[in-house]
Amino acid sequence: MKNFTKPSDAELRQKLTPEQYKVTQHEGTEPPFRNAYHDNKKPGIYVDIVSGEPLFSSLDKFDSGTGWPSFTRPLVDANITTRTDRKLWMTRTEVRSKHADSHLGHVFDDGPAPTGMRYCMNSAAMRFIPVEKLEEEGYGEFLPLFEKA
């Protein structure tokens, strides 16, 4: 990630679907229950759709009932940043990827143990890599997490 350079806006428009672009670049929100990963139960990791930086693990995923993929914690804390979001009727904490600065979703303090946190993410901001493809896609360092589980 140290060598990652965010693509230009024109490149992002070509690389991403319109929904992925709206979500990641303009803080959009995809529809609940009508997105790729809200009910994905396969083992693997979720990476930023723009940069590929590892974000979340299926080991920390839970069904929040909201219709969006939800996690109790980031896979790599250093790949997540937060900032205050006052765009709607309340103050929320926006979650962004560190290197690509992609809007991912929001984090709330109403999640389950062990963290009490609910990272409510947009599927459109992420790409899922199943455990059996971690090595070939360059994420082999995360295989031991799944061997323990």
C-alpha atoms as a PDB file:
ATOM      1  CA  MET A   1       0.000   0.000   0.000  1.00  0.00           C
ATOM      2  CA  LYS A   2       2.961   2.307   0.471  1.00  0.00           C
ATOM      3  CA  ASN A   3       3.296   2.574  -3.311  1.00  0.00           C
ATOM      4  CA  PHE A   4      -0.424   2.989  -4.005  1.00  0.00           C
ATOM      5  CA  THR A   5      -1.411   6.097  -5.939  1.00  0.00           C
ATOM      6  CA  LYS A   6      -5.094   6.828  -6.199  1.00  0.00           C
ATOM      7  CA  PRO A   7      -6.244   6.824  -9.830  1.00  0.00           C
ATOM      8  CA  SER A   8      -7.562  10.007 -11.407  1.00  0.00           C
ATOM      9  CA  ASP A   9     -11.277  10.720 -11.367  1.00  0.00           C
ATOM     10  CA  ALA A  10     -11.494   9.790 -15.064  1.00  0.00           C
ATOM     11  CA  GLU A  11      -9.770   6.448 -14.380  1.00  0.00           C
ATOM     12  CA  LEU A  12     -12.082   5.747 -11.439  1.00  0.00           C
ATOM     13  CA  ARG A  13     -15.140   6.440 -13.597  1.00  0.00           C
ATOM     14  CA  GLN A  14     -13.862   3.852 -16.089  1.00  0.00           C
ATOM     15  CA  LYS A  15     -12.795   1.261 -13.505  1.00  0.00           C
ATOM     16  CA  LEU A  16     -15.830   1.397 -11.218  1.00  0.00           C
ATOM     17  CA  THR A  17     -19.500   0.789 -11.866  1.00  0.00           C
ATOM     18  CA  PRO A  18     -21.696   3.899 -11.484  1.00  0.00           C
ATOM     19  CA  GLU A  19     -22.834   2.637  -8.063  1.00  0.00           C
ATOM     20  CA  GLN A  20     -19.278   1.893  -6.886  1.00  0.00           C
ATOM     21  CA  TYR A  21     -18.191   5.350  -8.017  1.00  0.00           C
ATOM     22  CA  LYS A  22     -21.116   7.095  -6.298  1.00  0.00           C
ATOM     23  CA  VAL A  23     -20.578   5.194  -3.036  1.00  0.00           C
ATOM     24  CA  THR A  24     -16.783   5.465  -2.822  1.00  0.00           C
ATOM     25  CA  GLN A  25     -16.214   8.911  -4.306  1.00  0.00           C
ATOM     26  CA  HIS A  26     -19.393  10.782  -3.329  1.00  0.00           C
ATOM     27  CA  GLU A  27     -20.398   9.157  -0.011  1.00  0.00           C
ATOM     28  CA  GLY A  28     -23.341   7.351  -1.538  1.00  0.00           C
ATOM     29  CA  THR A  29     -25.302   4.544   0.087  1.00  0.00           C
ATOM     30  CA  GLU A  30     -26.475   1.448  -1.723  1.00  0.00           C
ATOM     31  CA  PRO A  31     -29.939   0.002  -1.055  1.00  0.00           C
ATOM     32  CA  PRO A  32     -30.280  -2.265   1.983  1.00  0.00           C
ATOM     33  CA  PHE A  33     -30.767  -5.987   1.302  1.00  0.00           C
ATOM     34  CA  ARG A  34     -30.113  -5.412  -2.432  1.00  0.00           C
ATOM     35  CA  ASN A  35     -26.336  -5.520  -2.410  1.00  0.00           C
ATOM     36  CA  ALA A  36     -23.682  -8.138  -2.997  1.00  0.00           C
ATOM     37  CA  TYR A  37     -22.485  -8.959   0.507  1.00  0.00           C
ATOM     38  CA  HIS A  38     -25.204  -8.332   3.106  1.00  0.00           C
ATOM     39  CA  ASP A  39     -25.916 -12.057   3.303  1.00  0.00           C
ATOM     40  CA  ASN A  40     -22.554 -13.460   2.196  1.00  0.00           C
ATOM     41  CA  LYS A  41     -21.547 -16.212   4.630  1.00  0.00           C
ATOM     42  CA  LYS A  42     -18.436 -17.491   2.830  1.00  0.00           C
ATOM     43  CA  PRO A  43     -15.058 -17.315   4.607  1.00  0.00           C
ATOM     44  CA  GLY A  44     -12.675 -14.675   3.266  1.00  0.00           C
ATOM     45  CA  ILE A  45     -11.743 -11.030   3.423  1.00  0.00           C
ATOM     46  CA  TYR A  46     -13.154  -7.802   2.071  1.00  0.00           C
ATOM     47  CA  VAL A  47     -10.810  -5.322   0.398  1.00  0.00           C
ATOM     48  CA  ASP A  48     -11.220  -1.762  -0.863  1.00  0.00           C
ATOM     49  CA  ILE A  49     -12.626  -1.794  -4.415  1.00  0.00           C
ATOM     50  CA  VAL A  50     -10.223   0.984  -5.464  1.00  0.00           C
ATOM     51  CA  SER A  51      -6.924   0.114  -3.767  1.00  0.00           C
ATOM     52  CA  GLY A  52      -7.270  -3.514  -2.715  1.00  0.00           C
ATOM     53  CA  GLU A  53      -6.267  -2.652   0.851  1.00  0.00           C
ATOM     54  CA  PRO A  54      -7.565  -5.303   3.308  1.00  0.00           C
ATOM     55  CA  LEU A  55     -10.506  -3.965   5.316  1.00  0.00           C
ATOM     56  CA  PHE A  56     -12.632  -6.644   6.993  1.00  0.00           C
ATOM     57  CA  SER A  57     -12.783 -10.389   7.605  1.00  0.00           C
ATOM     58  CA  SER A  58     -15.733 -12.747   7.404  1.00  0.00           C
ATOM     59  CA  LEU A  59     -14.650 -13.902  10.885  1.00  0.00           C
ATOM     60  CA  ASP A  60     -15.838 -10.538  12.238  1.00  0.00           C
ATOM     61  CA  LYS A  61     -18.994 -10.306  10.101  1.00  0.00           C
ATOM     62  CA  PHE A  62     -22.439 -10.580  11.675  1.00  0.00           C
ATOM     63  CA  ASP A  63     -26.071 -10.175  10.652  1.00  0.00           C
ATOM     64  CA  SER A  64     -27.082  -6.772  11.973  1.00  0.00           C
ATOM     65  CA  GLY A  65     -30.524  -6.942  10.363  1.00  0.00           C
ATOM     66  CA  THR A  66     -29.836  -3.648   8.571  1.00  0.00           C
ATOM     67  CA  GLY A  67     -29.376  -5.061   5.060  1.00  0.00           C
ATOM     68  CA  TRP A  68     -25.722  -4.045   4.770  1.00  0.00           C
ATOM     69  CA  PRO A  69     -22.633  -6.104   5.567  1.00  0.00           C
ATOM     70  CA  SER A  70     -21.672  -5.429   9.171  1.00  0.00           C
ATOM     71  CA  PHE A  71     -18.477  -6.204  11.065  1.00  0.00           C
ATOM     72  CA  THR A  72     -17.364  -5.934  14.688  1.00  0.00           C
ATOM     73  CA  ARG A  73     -13.874  -4.673  13.812  1.00  0.00           C
ATOM     74  CA  PRO A  74     -11.537  -3.879  10.913  1.00  0.00           C
ATOM     75  CA  LEU A  75      -9.140  -6.554   9.721  1.00  0.00           C
ATOM     76  CA  VAL A  76      -6.255  -4.051   9.649  1.00  0.00           C
ATOM     77  CA  ASP A  77      -6.845  -1.002  11.845  1.00  0.00           C
ATOM     78  CA  ALA A  78      -4.264   1.039   9.924  1.00  0.00           C
ATOM     79  CA  ASN A  79      -6.325   0.724   6.710  1.00  0.00           C
ATOM     80  CA  ILE A  80      -9.369   2.473   8.203  1.00  0.00           C
ATOM     81  CA  THR A  81      -9.910   6.142   9.003  1.00  0.00           C
ATOM     82  CA  THR A  82     -12.943   7.844  10.478  1.00  0.00           C
ATOM     83  CA  ARG A  83     -14.373  11.320  10.453  1.00  0.00           C
ATOM     84  CA  THR A  84     -17.460  13.057  11.718  1.00  0.00           C
ATOM     85  CA  ASP A  85     -20.399  13.070   9.304  1.00  0.00           C
ATOM     86  CA  ARG A  86     -23.156  15.618   9.916  1.00  0.00           C
ATOM     87  CA  LYS A  87     -24.862  15.301   6.517  1.00  0.00           C
ATOM     88  CA  LEU A  88     -28.131  13.844   7.769  1.00  0.00           C
ATOM     89  CA  TRP A  89     -30.308  14.530  10.807  1.00  0.00           C
ATOM     90  CA  MET A  90     -27.680  13.218  13.237  1.00  0.00           C
ATOM     91  CA  THR A  91     -23.957  13.092  13.823  1.00  0.00           C
ATOM     92  CA  ARG A  92     -22.438   9.840  12.607  1.00  0.00           C
ATOM     93  CA  THR A  93     -18.921   8.480  12.240  1.00  0.00           C
ATOM     94  CA  GLU A  94     -17.978   7.908   8.618  1.00  0.00           C
ATOM     95  CA  VAL A  95     -15.535   5.101   7.789  1.00  0.00           C
ATOM     96  CA  ARG A  96     -13.072   5.546   4.908  1.00  0.00           C
ATOM     97  CA  SER A  97     -10.212   3.491   3.566  1.00  0.00           C
ATOM     98  CA  LYS A  98      -6.848   4.955   4.513  1.00  0.00           C
ATOM     99  CA  HIS A  99      -4.967   4.697   1.217  1.00  0.00           C
ATOM    100  CA  ALA A 100      -7.700   5.163  -1.411  1.00  0.00           C
ATOM    101  CA  ASP A 101      -9.834   7.482   0.755  1.00  0.00           C
ATOM    102  CA  SER A 102     -12.913   5.546  -0.359  1.00  0.00           C
ATOM    103  CA  HIS A 103     -16.143   6.084   1.539  1.00  0.00           C
ATOM    104  CA  LEU A 104     -17.018   2.672   2.996  1.00  0.00           C
ATOM    105  CA  GLY A 105     -19.935   3.321   5.356  1.00  0.00           C
ATOM    106  CA  HIS A 106     -20.379   4.249   9.017  1.00  0.00           C
ATOM    107  CA  VAL A 107     -19.525   2.814  12.416  1.00  0.00           C
ATOM    108  CA  PHE A 108     -21.929   2.697  15.365  1.00  0.00           C
ATOM    109  CA  ASP A 109     -21.520   1.649  18.998  1.00  0.00           C
ATOM    110  CA  ASP A 110     -24.497  -0.729  19.005  1.00  0.00           C
ATOM    111  CA  GLY A 111     -22.741  -3.899  17.815  1.00  0.00           C
ATOM    112  CA  PRO A 112     -22.266  -7.246  19.526  1.00  0.00           C
ATOM    113  CA  ALA A 113     -19.411  -8.468  21.699  1.00  0.00           C
ATOM    114  CA  PRO A 114     -16.504  -8.512  21.783  1.00  0.00           C
ATOM    115  CA  THR A 115     -16.164  -4.895  20.552  1.00  0.00           C
ATOM    116  CA  GLY A 116     -19.678  -3.481  20.813  1.00  0.00           C
ATOM    117  CA  MET A 117     -19.074  -1.855  17.427  1.00  0.00           C
ATOM    118  CA  ARG A 118     -21.043  -2.172  14.169  1.00  0.00           C
ATOM    119  CA  TYR A 119     -19.092  -1.264  11.072  1.00  0.00           C
ATOM    120  CA  CYS A 120     -21.990  -0.946   8.624  1.00  0.00           C
ATOM    121  CA  MET A 121     -20.415  -1.007   5.155  1.00  0.00           C
ATOM    122  CA  ASN A 122     -21.495  -0.673   1.549  1.00  0.00           C
ATOM    123  CA  SER A 123     -20.874  -3.780  -0.567  1.00  0.00           C
ATOM    124  CA  ALA A 124     -20.194  -1.465  -3.517  1.00  0.00           C
ATOM    125  CA  ALA A 125     -17.085  -0.141  -1.750  1.00  0.00           C
ATOM    126  CA  MET A 126     -15.547  -3.574  -1.320  1.00  0.00           C
ATOM    127  CA  ARG A 127     -14.470  -6.695  -3.164  1.00  0.00           C
ATOM    128  CA  PHE A 128     -14.734 -10.088  -1.495  1.00  0.00           C
ATOM    129  CA  ILE A 129     -11.835 -12.527  -1.744  1.00  0.00           C
ATOM    130  CA  PRO A 130     -12.730 -16.085  -0.701  1.00  0.00           C
ATOM    131  CA  VAL A 131     -10.291 -17.865   1.587  1.00  0.00           C
ATOM    132  CA  GLU A 132      -9.282 -20.315  -1.142  1.00  0.00           C
ATOM    133  CA  LYS A 133      -8.084 -17.406  -3.329  1.00  0.00           C
ATOM    134  CA  LEU A 134      -6.224 -15.419  -0.671  1.00  0.00           C
ATOM    135  CA  GLU A 135      -2.806 -16.764  -1.616  1.00  0.00           C
ATOM    136  CA  GLU A 136      -3.175 -16.365  -5.377  1.00  0.00           C
ATOM    137  CA  GLU A 137      -4.510 -12.804  -5.008  1.00  0.00           C
ATOM    138  CA  GLY A 138      -1.639 -11.732  -2.748  1.00  0.00           C
ATOM    139  CA  TYR A 139      -3.374 -11.898   0.628  1.00  0.00           C
ATOM    140  CA  GLY A 140      -1.787 -15.108   1.905  1.00  0.00           C
ATOM    141  CA  GLU A 141      -0.723 -13.403   5.137  1.00  0.00           C
ATOM    142  CA  PHE A 142      -4.359 -13.687   6.286  1.00  0.00           C
ATOM    143  CA  LEU A 143      -4.641 -17.469   5.790  1.00  0.00           C
ATOM    144  CA  PRO A 144      -3.558 -18.267   9.387  1.00  0.00           C
ATOM    145  CA  LEU A 145      -6.651 -16.449  10.694  1.00  0.00           C
ATOM    146  CA  PHE A 146      -8.856 -18.954   8.925  1.00  0.00           C
ATOM    147  CA  GLU A 147      -6.742 -21.961   9.882  1.00  0.00           C
ATOM    148  CA  LYS A 148      -7.334 -21.089  13.564  1.00  0.00           C
ATOM    149  CA  ALA A 149     -11.056 -20.752  12.980  1.00  0.00           C
END
